[in-house]
Amino acid sequence: RKISADLKLAAIRLHEQGILRLRDILDCVGFSRRTFYRIKKLHDETGNVVKPTRSEYLGRPRTLNFEDLQYLLELVYHRPDWFLDKLTALMKRNHFVAMHYTTIHRELVRAGVSLKKLRKIASERNEDL
């Protein structure tokens, strides 16, 4: 049977905070000691009580990590008139990440940045001047 993530997390928190003894927690939630410790191990290792799905591991790893993507988005919102080759050069120089300009375009599309949004940002910036 499937145990909900909320129930698993509640059991972990009750145990960590010492509110109830483990035996009482297991009686309330209705799963075995072995299941509890398997869930606790997963929580300690990943911070989550549910195993990640296979689809999270499929495909090629991303070129940009979260920090790099945030920097790229800051550049784009700061200077929406810059071309992709300029962004590529800045990423290489400032974050030491070498990539093709199509990769930057793909990451911007994935982040929800469109040409329409960039034009809007640029026009708002021109109105401020």
N, C-alpha and C. Protein backbone atom coordinates (compact mmCIF):
# COMPACT_ATOMS: atom_id res chain seq x y z
N ARG A 1 0.84 -1.19 0.00
CA ARG A 1 0.00 0.00 0.00
C ARG A 1 0.87 1.24 0.00
N LYS A 2 0.33 2.31 -0.51
CA LYS A 2 1.07 3.56 -0.64
C LYS A 2 0.83 4.43 0.59
N ILE A 3 1.92 4.94 1.15
CA ILE A 3 1.85 5.81 2.33
C ILE A 3 2.06 7.24 1.85
N SER A 4 1.19 8.15 2.26
CA SER A 4 1.30 9.53 1.79
C SER A 4 2.55 10.21 2.33
N ALA A 5 3.04 11.15 1.57
CA ALA A 5 4.25 11.88 1.96
C ALA A 5 4.01 12.69 3.23
N ASP A 6 2.80 13.21 3.40
CA ASP A 6 2.49 14.00 4.60
C ASP A 6 2.58 13.14 5.86
N LEU A 7 2.08 11.92 5.77
CA LEU A 7 2.13 11.01 6.91
C LEU A 7 3.57 10.64 7.25
N LYS A 8 4.36 10.38 6.22
CA LYS A 8 5.78 10.05 6.44
C LYS A 8 6.50 11.22 7.11
N LEU A 9 6.27 12.41 6.61
CA LEU A 9 6.93 13.59 7.15
C LEU A 9 6.48 13.87 8.58
N ALA A 10 5.20 13.66 8.85
CA ALA A 10 4.70 13.86 10.21
C ALA A 10 5.37 12.89 11.18
N ALA A 11 5.52 11.64 10.77
CA ALA A 11 6.18 10.65 11.62
C ALA A 11 7.63 11.03 11.89
N ILE A 12 8.33 11.48 10.86
CA ILE A 12 9.73 11.89 11.01
C ILE A 12 9.83 13.06 11.99
N ARG A 13 8.97 14.05 11.83
CA ARG A 13 9.02 15.24 12.69
C ARG A 13 8.67 14.90 14.14
N LEU A 14 7.67 14.05 14.33
CA LEU A 14 7.33 13.64 15.70
C LEU A 14 8.51 12.95 16.37
N HIS A 15 9.20 12.12 15.63
CA HIS A 15 10.35 11.41 16.18
C HIS A 15 11.52 12.36 16.44
N GLU A 16 11.81 13.26 15.50
CA GLU A 16 12.94 14.18 15.66
C GLU A 16 12.74 15.15 16.81
N GLN A 17 11.52 15.58 17.03
CA GLN A 17 11.24 16.54 18.09
C GLN A 17 11.01 15.87 19.44
N GLY A 18 10.96 14.55 19.45
CA GLY A 18 10.80 13.81 20.69
C GLY A 18 9.43 13.96 21.33
N ILE A 19 8.43 14.23 20.54
CA ILE A 19 7.08 14.43 21.06
C ILE A 19 6.48 13.11 21.52
N LEU A 20 6.69 12.05 20.74
CA LEU A 20 6.19 10.72 21.09
C LEU A 20 7.32 9.71 20.97
N ARG A 21 7.14 8.59 21.67
CA ARG A 21 8.10 7.49 21.51
C ARG A 21 7.87 6.85 20.15
N LEU A 22 8.89 6.21 19.63
CA LEU A 22 8.80 5.61 18.30
C LEU A 22 7.68 4.57 18.24
N ARG A 23 7.54 3.78 19.29
CA ARG A 23 6.49 2.75 19.30
C ARG A 23 5.11 3.38 19.15
N ASP A 24 4.88 4.51 19.84
CA ASP A 24 3.58 5.19 19.75
C ASP A 24 3.36 5.80 18.36
N ILE A 25 4.42 6.35 17.80
CA ILE A 25 4.32 6.92 16.45
C ILE A 25 3.96 5.83 15.44
N LEU A 26 4.64 4.68 15.55
CA LEU A 26 4.37 3.58 14.61
C LEU A 26 2.96 3.04 14.78
N ASP A 27 2.45 3.01 16.01
CA ASP A 27 1.06 2.58 16.22
C ASP A 27 0.08 3.55 15.56
N CYS A 28 0.37 4.83 15.65
CA CYS A 28 -0.53 5.84 15.08
C CYS A 28 -0.52 5.83 13.55
N VAL A 29 0.67 5.77 12.96
CA VAL A 29 0.75 5.87 11.51
C VAL A 29 0.52 4.55 10.80
N GLY A 30 0.78 3.45 11.49
CA GLY A 30 0.46 2.14 10.93
C GLY A 30 1.49 1.56 9.99
N PHE A 31 2.76 1.95 10.11
CA PHE A 31 3.76 1.24 9.34
C PHE A 31 4.86 0.71 10.24
N SER A 32 5.65 -0.21 9.70
CA SER A 32 6.62 -0.95 10.50
C SER A 32 7.84 -0.10 10.85
N ARG A 33 8.61 -0.61 11.80
CA ARG A 33 9.85 0.04 12.22
C ARG A 33 10.82 0.11 11.04
N ARG A 34 10.87 -0.97 10.27
CA ARG A 34 11.77 -1.01 9.11
C ARG A 34 11.39 0.05 8.08
N THR A 35 10.10 0.20 7.83
CA THR A 35 9.63 1.22 6.90
C THR A 35 9.98 2.61 7.42
N PHE A 36 9.79 2.82 8.71
CA PHE A 36 10.11 4.11 9.31
C PHE A 36 11.58 4.46 9.11
N TYR A 37 12.48 3.52 9.39
CA TYR A 37 13.90 3.81 9.27
C TYR A 37 14.35 3.96 7.81
N ARG A 38 13.66 3.27 6.90
CA ARG A 38 13.96 3.46 5.48
C ARG A 38 13.56 4.88 5.05
N ILE A 39 12.39 5.33 5.51
CA ILE A 39 11.93 6.69 5.21
C ILE A 39 12.86 7.72 5.85
N LYS A 40 13.27 7.46 7.09
CA LYS A 40 14.17 8.38 7.80
C LYS A 40 15.52 8.48 7.10
N LYS A 41 16.03 7.36 6.62
CA LYS A 41 17.31 7.37 5.90
C LYS A 41 17.19 8.20 4.62
N LEU A 42 16.10 8.00 3.89
CA LEU A 42 15.87 8.77 2.67
C LEU A 42 15.76 10.26 2.98
N HIS A 43 15.06 10.59 4.07
CA HIS A 43 14.91 11.98 4.49
C HIS A 43 16.25 12.60 4.87
N ASP A 44 17.07 11.84 5.58
CA ASP A 44 18.39 12.35 5.99
C ASP A 44 19.31 12.56 4.79
N GLU A 45 19.22 11.68 3.80
CA GLU A 45 20.11 11.77 2.63
C GLU A 45 19.67 12.81 1.61
N THR A 46 18.36 12.92 1.39
CA THR A 46 17.88 13.78 0.31
C THR A 46 17.05 14.97 0.78
N GLY A 47 16.58 14.95 2.01
CA GLY A 47 15.70 16.01 2.48
C GLY A 47 14.27 15.80 2.05
N ASN A 48 13.99 14.66 1.43
CA ASN A 48 12.65 14.35 0.95
C ASN A 48 12.26 12.98 1.47
N VAL A 49 10.96 12.73 1.63
CA VAL A 49 10.50 11.45 2.14
C VAL A 49 9.98 10.54 1.04
N VAL A 50 10.04 11.01 -0.20
CA VAL A 50 9.58 10.24 -1.34
C VAL A 50 10.76 10.05 -2.29
N LYS A 51 10.91 8.82 -2.79
CA LYS A 51 11.99 8.55 -3.74
C LYS A 51 11.79 9.38 -5.00
N PRO A 52 12.87 9.93 -5.55
CA PRO A 52 12.73 10.67 -6.80
C PRO A 52 12.34 9.73 -7.93
N THR A 53 11.58 10.27 -8.87
CA THR A 53 11.16 9.45 -10.01
C THR A 53 12.32 9.28 -10.98
N ARG A 54 12.21 8.28 -11.81
CA ARG A 54 13.26 8.01 -12.80
C ARG A 54 13.44 9.18 -13.77
N SER A 55 12.34 9.87 -14.05
CA SER A 55 12.42 10.95 -15.04
C SER A 55 13.33 12.08 -14.59
N GLU A 56 13.56 12.22 -13.29
CA GLU A 56 14.45 13.27 -12.80
C GLU A 56 15.90 12.98 -13.18
N TYR A 57 16.22 11.73 -13.44
CA TYR A 57 17.58 11.35 -13.76
C TYR A 57 17.82 11.18 -15.25
N LEU A 58 16.76 11.24 -16.05
CA LEU A 58 16.90 11.01 -17.48
C LEU A 58 17.43 12.25 -18.18
N GLY A 59 18.10 12.04 -19.26
CA GLY A 59 18.58 13.15 -20.07
C GLY A 59 19.97 13.62 -19.69
N ARG A 60 20.43 14.52 -20.47
CA ARG A 60 21.77 15.08 -20.27
C ARG A 60 21.76 16.07 -19.11
N PRO A 61 22.80 16.08 -18.28
CA PRO A 61 22.86 17.06 -17.19
C PRO A 61 22.92 18.49 -17.73
N ARG A 62 22.35 19.40 -17.02
CA ARG A 62 22.33 20.80 -17.43
C ARG A 62 23.73 21.40 -17.40
N THR A 63 24.00 22.29 -18.34
CA THR A 63 25.29 22.98 -18.39
C THR A 63 25.37 24.02 -17.28
N LEU A 64 24.26 24.71 -17.06
CA LEU A 64 24.23 25.78 -16.06
C LEU A 64 23.65 25.27 -14.75
N ASN A 65 24.30 25.61 -13.65
CA ASN A 65 23.69 25.32 -12.36
C ASN A 65 22.80 26.51 -11.98
N PHE A 66 22.19 26.44 -10.81
CA PHE A 66 21.23 27.46 -10.40
C PHE A 66 21.88 28.85 -10.32
N GLU A 67 23.07 28.90 -9.75
CA GLU A 67 23.78 30.18 -9.60
C GLU A 67 24.09 30.81 -10.96
N ASP A 68 24.56 29.99 -11.89
CA ASP A 68 24.87 30.49 -13.23
C ASP A 68 23.62 31.00 -13.94
N LEU A 69 22.53 30.28 -13.79
CA LEU A 69 21.28 30.69 -14.43
C LEU A 69 20.78 32.00 -13.83
N GLN A 70 20.89 32.16 -12.51
CA GLN A 70 20.48 33.40 -11.87
C GLN A 70 21.31 34.58 -12.40
N TYR A 71 22.61 34.37 -12.54
CA TYR A 71 23.49 35.41 -13.07
C TYR A 71 23.08 35.78 -14.50
N LEU A 72 22.80 34.77 -15.30
CA LEU A 72 22.38 35.00 -16.69
C LEU A 72 21.08 35.81 -16.73
N LEU A 73 20.13 35.45 -15.89
CA LEU A 73 18.86 36.18 -15.86
C LEU A 73 19.05 37.62 -15.40
N GLU A 74 19.93 37.83 -14.43
CA GLU A 74 20.23 39.20 -13.99
C GLU A 74 20.82 40.01 -15.14
N LEU A 75 21.73 39.41 -15.90
CA LEU A 75 22.31 40.10 -17.05
C LEU A 75 21.23 40.48 -18.06
N VAL A 76 20.35 39.54 -18.34
CA VAL A 76 19.31 39.77 -19.34
C VAL A 76 18.35 40.86 -18.89
N TYR A 77 17.95 40.85 -17.62
CA TYR A 77 17.01 41.87 -17.14
C TYR A 77 17.70 43.23 -16.98
N HIS A 78 19.00 43.21 -16.71
CA HIS A 78 19.74 44.46 -16.59
C HIS A 78 19.98 45.10 -17.95
N ARG A 79 20.34 44.28 -18.93
CA ARG A 79 20.62 44.77 -20.28
C ARG A 79 19.91 43.89 -21.30
N PRO A 80 18.61 44.10 -21.51
CA PRO A 80 17.87 43.25 -22.45
C PRO A 80 18.28 43.44 -23.91
N ASP A 81 19.08 44.46 -24.20
CA ASP A 81 19.49 44.71 -25.58
C ASP A 81 20.77 43.97 -25.97
N TRP A 82 21.39 43.27 -25.04
CA TRP A 82 22.61 42.52 -25.37
C TRP A 82 22.27 41.28 -26.19
N PHE A 83 23.14 40.95 -27.11
CA PHE A 83 22.96 39.77 -27.95
C PHE A 83 23.50 38.53 -27.24
N LEU A 84 23.14 37.37 -27.76
CA LEU A 84 23.53 36.11 -27.13
C LEU A 84 25.04 35.92 -27.10
N ASP A 85 25.75 36.39 -28.12
CA ASP A 85 27.20 36.22 -28.12
C ASP A 85 27.86 37.04 -27.01
N LYS A 86 27.29 38.20 -26.69
CA LYS A 86 27.80 39.02 -25.57
C LYS A 86 27.55 38.29 -24.25
N LEU A 87 26.37 37.70 -24.10
CA LEU A 87 26.06 36.94 -22.89
C LEU A 87 26.98 35.73 -22.76
N THR A 88 27.27 35.08 -23.89
CA THR A 88 28.18 33.94 -23.89
C THR A 88 29.56 34.36 -23.39
N ALA A 89 30.05 35.48 -23.88
CA ALA A 89 31.37 35.97 -23.46
C ALA A 89 31.39 36.33 -21.98
N LEU A 90 30.33 36.95 -21.49
CA LEU A 90 30.26 37.32 -20.07
C LEU A 90 30.19 36.10 -19.17
N MET A 91 29.45 35.08 -19.60
CA MET A 91 29.38 33.85 -18.81
C MET A 91 30.74 33.18 -18.74
N LYS A 92 31.45 33.20 -19.86
CA LYS A 92 32.78 32.57 -19.88
C LYS A 92 33.77 33.34 -19.02
N ARG A 93 33.72 34.66 -19.10
CA ARG A 93 34.68 35.47 -18.36
C ARG A 93 34.37 35.54 -16.86
N ASN A 94 33.10 35.70 -16.50
CA ASN A 94 32.74 35.94 -15.09
C ASN A 94 32.39 34.68 -14.30
N HIS A 95 31.88 33.66 -14.98
CA HIS A 95 31.49 32.43 -14.28
C HIS A 95 32.26 31.21 -14.76
N PHE A 96 33.17 31.39 -15.68
CA PHE A 96 34.02 30.31 -16.19
C PHE A 96 33.21 29.15 -16.76
N VAL A 97 32.12 29.49 -17.44
CA VAL A 97 31.27 28.48 -18.07
C VAL A 97 31.28 28.75 -19.57
N ALA A 98 31.91 27.85 -20.32
CA ALA A 98 31.96 28.00 -21.77
C ALA A 98 30.80 27.22 -22.38
N MET A 99 30.04 27.90 -23.23
CA MET A 99 28.90 27.26 -23.88
C MET A 99 28.59 27.97 -25.18
N HIS A 100 27.80 27.34 -25.99
CA HIS A 100 27.37 27.91 -27.26
C HIS A 100 26.20 28.84 -27.01
N TYR A 101 26.02 29.81 -27.88
CA TYR A 101 24.92 30.76 -27.68
C TYR A 101 23.55 30.10 -27.77
N THR A 102 23.45 28.98 -28.49
CA THR A 102 22.16 28.28 -28.54
C THR A 102 21.80 27.70 -27.18
N THR A 103 22.81 27.32 -26.40
CA THR A 103 22.55 26.82 -25.05
C THR A 103 21.98 27.93 -24.18
N ILE A 104 22.52 29.12 -24.31
CA ILE A 104 21.99 30.26 -23.56
C ILE A 104 20.56 30.54 -23.98
N HIS A 105 20.30 30.49 -25.28
CA HIS A 105 18.93 30.71 -25.76
C HIS A 105 17.97 29.67 -25.18
N ARG A 106 18.38 28.41 -25.21
CA ARG A 106 17.55 27.33 -24.66
C ARG A 106 17.27 27.54 -23.18
N GLU A 107 18.29 27.92 -22.42
CA GLU A 107 18.12 28.14 -20.98
C GLU A 107 17.20 29.32 -20.71
N LEU A 108 17.31 30.37 -21.51
CA LEU A 108 16.42 31.52 -21.34
C LEU A 108 14.97 31.15 -21.66
N VAL A 109 14.77 30.37 -22.70
CA VAL A 109 13.42 29.91 -23.04
C VAL A 109 12.88 29.04 -21.91
N ARG A 110 13.71 28.14 -21.39
CA ARG A 110 13.31 27.26 -20.30
C ARG A 110 12.95 28.07 -19.05
N ALA A 111 13.63 29.21 -18.85
CA ALA A 111 13.37 30.07 -17.69
C ALA A 111 12.18 31.00 -17.92
N GLY A 112 11.58 30.94 -19.10
CA GLY A 112 10.39 31.73 -19.37
C GLY A 112 10.66 33.11 -19.94
N VAL A 113 11.88 33.36 -20.39
CA VAL A 113 12.22 34.65 -20.98
C VAL A 113 11.95 34.57 -22.47
N SER A 114 11.11 35.48 -22.96
CA SER A 114 10.79 35.49 -24.39
C SER A 114 11.20 36.83 -24.99
N LEU A 115 11.22 36.89 -26.29
CA LEU A 115 11.56 38.12 -26.99
C LEU A 115 10.55 39.21 -26.65
N LYS A 116 9.30 38.83 -26.50
CA LYS A 116 8.25 39.79 -26.17
C LYS A 116 8.52 40.41 -24.80
N LYS A 117 8.90 39.58 -23.83
CA LYS A 117 9.20 40.09 -22.49
C LYS A 117 10.42 40.99 -22.51
N LEU A 118 11.43 40.62 -23.29
CA LEU A 118 12.63 41.45 -23.38
C LEU A 118 12.33 42.80 -24.01
N ARG A 119 11.48 42.81 -25.02
CA ARG A 119 11.10 44.09 -25.64
C ARG A 119 10.36 44.97 -24.64
N LYS A 120 9.51 44.34 -23.84
CA LYS A 120 8.75 45.10 -22.84
C LYS A 120 9.70 45.70 -21.81
N ILE A 121 10.66 44.91 -21.34
CA ILE A 121 11.64 45.41 -20.37
C ILE A 121 12.44 46.55 -20.97
N ALA A 122 12.87 46.39 -22.22
CA ALA A 122 13.66 47.43 -22.89
C ALA A 122 12.84 48.71 -23.08
N SER A 123 11.58 48.58 -23.45
CA SER A 123 10.75 49.77 -23.65
C SER A 123 10.48 50.47 -22.32
N GLU A 124 10.27 49.72 -21.24
CA GLU A 124 10.09 50.33 -19.92
C GLU A 124 11.36 51.06 -19.49
N ARG A 125 12.49 50.49 -19.79
CA ARG A 125 13.76 51.12 -19.45
C ARG A 125 13.93 52.43 -20.22
N ASN A 126 13.51 52.46 -21.49
CA ASN A 126 13.62 53.68 -22.29
C ASN A 126 12.67 54.77 -21.80
N GLU A 127 11.49 54.38 -21.29
CA GLU A 127 10.55 55.35 -20.75
C GLU A 127 11.10 56.00 -19.49
N ASP A 128 11.88 55.23 -18.71
CA ASP A 128 12.46 55.77 -17.48
C ASP A 128 13.49 56.85 -17.77
N LEU A 129 14.13 56.78 -18.93
CA LEU A 129 15.16 57.77 -19.29
C LEU A 129 14.47 59.01 -19.74
